[in-house]
Amino acid sequence: MGNVSNLLFRNLEARRLVKLEPRPVQVRIDNNLMVTVIKAAGPDSCQIEFNYTATYGSLGFIKIEGEFVYAGPHAAQAAKEWETKRQMPGEVASEIHTNIMHACIPEAVTLARTIQLPPPIPLPQVRFDKPPQGGAPAPTGAHSHPEFG
């Protein structure tokens, strides 16, 4: 397991390409994440640069460019494989992409709200089923939490 530090967003761009519709429009949102550079930064660390894009069809887009330092036992191997094959070892790739998404998605949600686009991730739906005899309704749904029933 590695460690991420010195996260820096170098560029944030959010653009709405059409005016607001009087009624909500169904829109497909595509999220794309690309690691663009991995280079050694020390014996057990590497510098990683990335681009994240959320595309809202013809409605708009959000782009985030950034970088961070990844330190861990597989960092040197990741930098070496990137230099020769433009690939990362599987477990490192999974960890790095997860960390990038965890950093970018909250920022993209804020940018989307600012320009009145839907969030780039589906928000959980809460439904209340009919209450059992004499009880309060219990929330249900794909994202229900054990504390809530």
Protein backbone atom coordinates (compact mmCIF):
# COMPACT_ATOMS: atom_id res chain seq x y z
CA MET A 1 0.00 0.00 0.00
CA GLY A 2 1.40 3.37 -1.00
CA ASN A 3 1.02 6.91 0.23
CA VAL A 4 -0.17 9.94 -1.75
CA SER A 5 1.13 13.41 -0.87
CA ASN A 6 1.58 16.89 -2.34
CA LEU A 7 -1.63 16.74 -4.38
CA LEU A 8 -1.86 19.81 -6.60
CA PHE A 9 -4.64 20.70 -9.04
CA ARG A 10 -2.86 22.65 -11.80
CA ASN A 11 -5.90 23.41 -13.91
CA LEU A 12 -9.66 23.36 -13.25
CA GLU A 13 -12.05 24.04 -16.10
CA ALA A 14 -15.83 23.76 -16.06
CA ARG A 15 -17.87 24.86 -19.03
CA ARG A 16 -21.59 24.81 -19.75
CA LEU A 17 -22.07 24.87 -23.52
CA VAL A 18 -25.84 25.49 -23.67
CA LYS A 19 -28.24 27.62 -21.66
CA LEU A 20 -30.38 26.15 -18.92
CA GLU A 21 -33.46 24.32 -20.12
CA PRO A 22 -36.78 25.09 -18.43
CA ARG A 23 -37.15 21.39 -17.67
CA PRO A 24 -34.49 18.82 -16.70
CA VAL A 25 -32.76 17.09 -19.59
CA GLN A 26 -31.61 13.45 -19.49
CA VAL A 27 -27.87 13.55 -20.11
CA ARG A 28 -25.18 10.87 -20.30
CA ILE A 29 -22.14 11.67 -18.18
CA ASP A 30 -18.83 10.05 -19.16
CA ASN A 31 -15.94 10.10 -16.67
CA ASN A 32 -12.44 9.62 -18.04
CA LEU A 33 -9.20 9.43 -16.09
CA MET A 34 -5.77 9.34 -17.69
CA VAL A 35 -2.35 9.17 -16.08
CA THR A 36 -0.09 11.20 -18.37
CA VAL A 37 3.33 11.09 -16.67
CA ILE A 38 5.05 8.90 -14.09
CA LYS A 39 8.65 9.68 -13.25
CA ALA A 40 10.92 8.64 -10.41
CA ALA A 41 11.11 11.17 -7.58
CA GLY A 42 13.25 9.16 -5.16
CA PRO A 43 14.14 5.57 -4.29
CA ASP A 44 10.61 4.76 -3.10
CA SER A 45 8.52 7.51 -4.73
CA CYS A 46 7.38 8.79 -8.09
CA GLN A 47 5.74 11.93 -9.44
CA ILE A 48 2.41 11.30 -11.16
CA GLU A 49 0.54 13.69 -13.45
CA PHE A 50 -3.07 13.10 -14.49
CA ASN A 51 -6.10 14.43 -16.38
CA TYR A 52 -9.69 13.84 -15.27
CA THR A 53 -12.63 14.75 -17.53
CA ALA A 54 -16.38 14.53 -17.01
CA THR A 55 -18.21 15.02 -20.31
CA TYR A 56 -21.91 15.89 -20.40
CA GLY A 57 -22.52 15.30 -24.12
CA SER A 58 -23.35 18.61 -25.79
CA LEU A 59 -24.30 20.16 -22.42
CA GLY A 60 -20.78 20.81 -21.07
CA PHE A 61 -17.64 19.38 -19.49
CA ILE A 62 -15.35 19.49 -16.47
CA LYS A 63 -11.57 19.05 -16.77
CA ILE A 64 -9.09 18.71 -13.94
CA GLU A 65 -5.33 18.43 -14.39
CA GLY A 66 -3.09 17.69 -11.46
CA GLU A 67 -0.14 15.94 -9.96
CA PHE A 68 0.98 14.26 -6.75
CA VAL A 69 3.78 12.18 -5.24
CA TYR A 70 3.15 8.46 -4.78
CA ALA A 71 5.45 6.74 -2.27
CA GLY A 72 5.52 3.04 -1.53
CA PRO A 73 7.32 -0.22 -2.15
CA HIS A 74 6.14 -0.41 -5.80
CA ALA A 75 6.71 3.24 -6.77
CA ALA A 76 10.11 2.67 -8.43
CA GLN A 77 8.73 -0.30 -10.37
CA ALA A 78 5.74 1.80 -11.51
CA ALA A 79 8.06 4.56 -12.80
CA LYS A 80 10.28 2.03 -14.60
CA GLU A 81 7.34 0.20 -16.25
CA TRP A 82 5.81 3.53 -17.29
CA GLU A 83 9.08 4.59 -18.91
CA THR A 84 9.41 1.37 -20.91
CA LYS A 85 5.81 0.20 -21.52
CA ARG A 86 3.55 3.17 -20.59
CA GLN A 87 1.85 0.81 -18.10
CA MET A 88 1.78 0.36 -14.34
CA PRO A 89 1.67 -2.83 -12.28
CA GLY A 90 -1.99 -3.79 -11.68
CA GLU A 91 -2.22 -3.21 -7.93
CA VAL A 92 -0.37 0.11 -8.19
CA ALA A 93 -2.57 1.22 -11.10
CA SER A 94 -5.69 0.42 -9.11
CA GLU A 95 -4.46 2.32 -6.06
CA ILE A 96 -3.31 5.35 -8.07
CA HIS A 97 -6.54 5.60 -10.09
CA THR A 98 -8.62 5.23 -6.92
CA ASN A 99 -6.69 8.04 -5.22
CA ILE A 100 -7.10 10.31 -8.24
CA MET A 101 -10.84 9.68 -8.37
CA HIS A 102 -11.17 10.31 -4.63
CA ALA A 103 -9.48 13.68 -5.14
CA CYS A 104 -11.24 14.70 -8.37
CA ILE A 105 -14.85 13.63 -7.85
CA PRO A 106 -15.58 15.97 -4.90
CA GLU A 107 -13.96 18.85 -6.79
CA ALA A 108 -15.96 17.99 -9.93
CA VAL A 109 -19.20 17.90 -7.91
CA THR A 110 -18.49 21.42 -6.64
CA LEU A 111 -17.64 22.69 -10.14
CA ALA A 112 -20.76 21.05 -11.58
CA ARG A 113 -22.94 22.75 -8.95
CA THR A 114 -21.32 26.12 -9.74
CA ILE A 115 -22.26 25.97 -13.43
CA GLN A 116 -25.52 24.11 -12.82
CA LEU A 117 -24.62 20.74 -14.32
CA PRO A 118 -25.67 17.47 -12.68
CA PRO A 119 -23.05 15.90 -10.40
CA PRO A 120 -20.70 13.56 -12.30
CA ILE A 121 -21.70 10.63 -10.09
CA PRO A 122 -25.13 9.24 -9.35
CA LEU A 123 -26.43 10.39 -5.99
CA PRO A 124 -28.10 7.74 -3.85
CA GLN A 125 -31.88 7.63 -3.94
CA VAL A 126 -33.74 7.33 -0.64
CA ARG A 127 -37.22 5.81 -0.67
CA PHE A 128 -39.47 5.21 2.26
CA ASP A 129 -41.47 1.99 2.05
CA LYS A 130 -44.82 1.70 3.74
CA PRO A 131 -44.28 1.35 7.48
CA PRO A 132 -44.92 -1.96 9.14
CA GLN A 133 -47.97 -2.01 11.38
CA GLY A 134 -47.39 0.73 13.99
CA GLY A 135 -43.81 1.54 12.96
CA ALA A 136 -42.00 4.31 11.16
CA PRO A 137 -41.14 3.95 7.47
CA ALA A 138 -37.72 2.47 6.78
CA PRO A 139 -35.50 3.86 4.04
CA THR A 140 -34.53 1.39 1.33
CA GLY A 141 -32.47 1.43 -1.81
CA ALA A 142 -29.26 0.24 -3.36
CA HIS A 143 -27.24 2.53 -1.12
CA SER A 144 -28.96 1.89 2.19
CA HIS A 145 -26.70 1.87 5.22
CA PRO A 146 -26.87 -0.65 8.06
CA GLU A 147 -27.58 2.13 10.55
CA PHE A 148 -30.72 3.02 8.64
CA GLY A 149 -32.38 -0.34 8.43
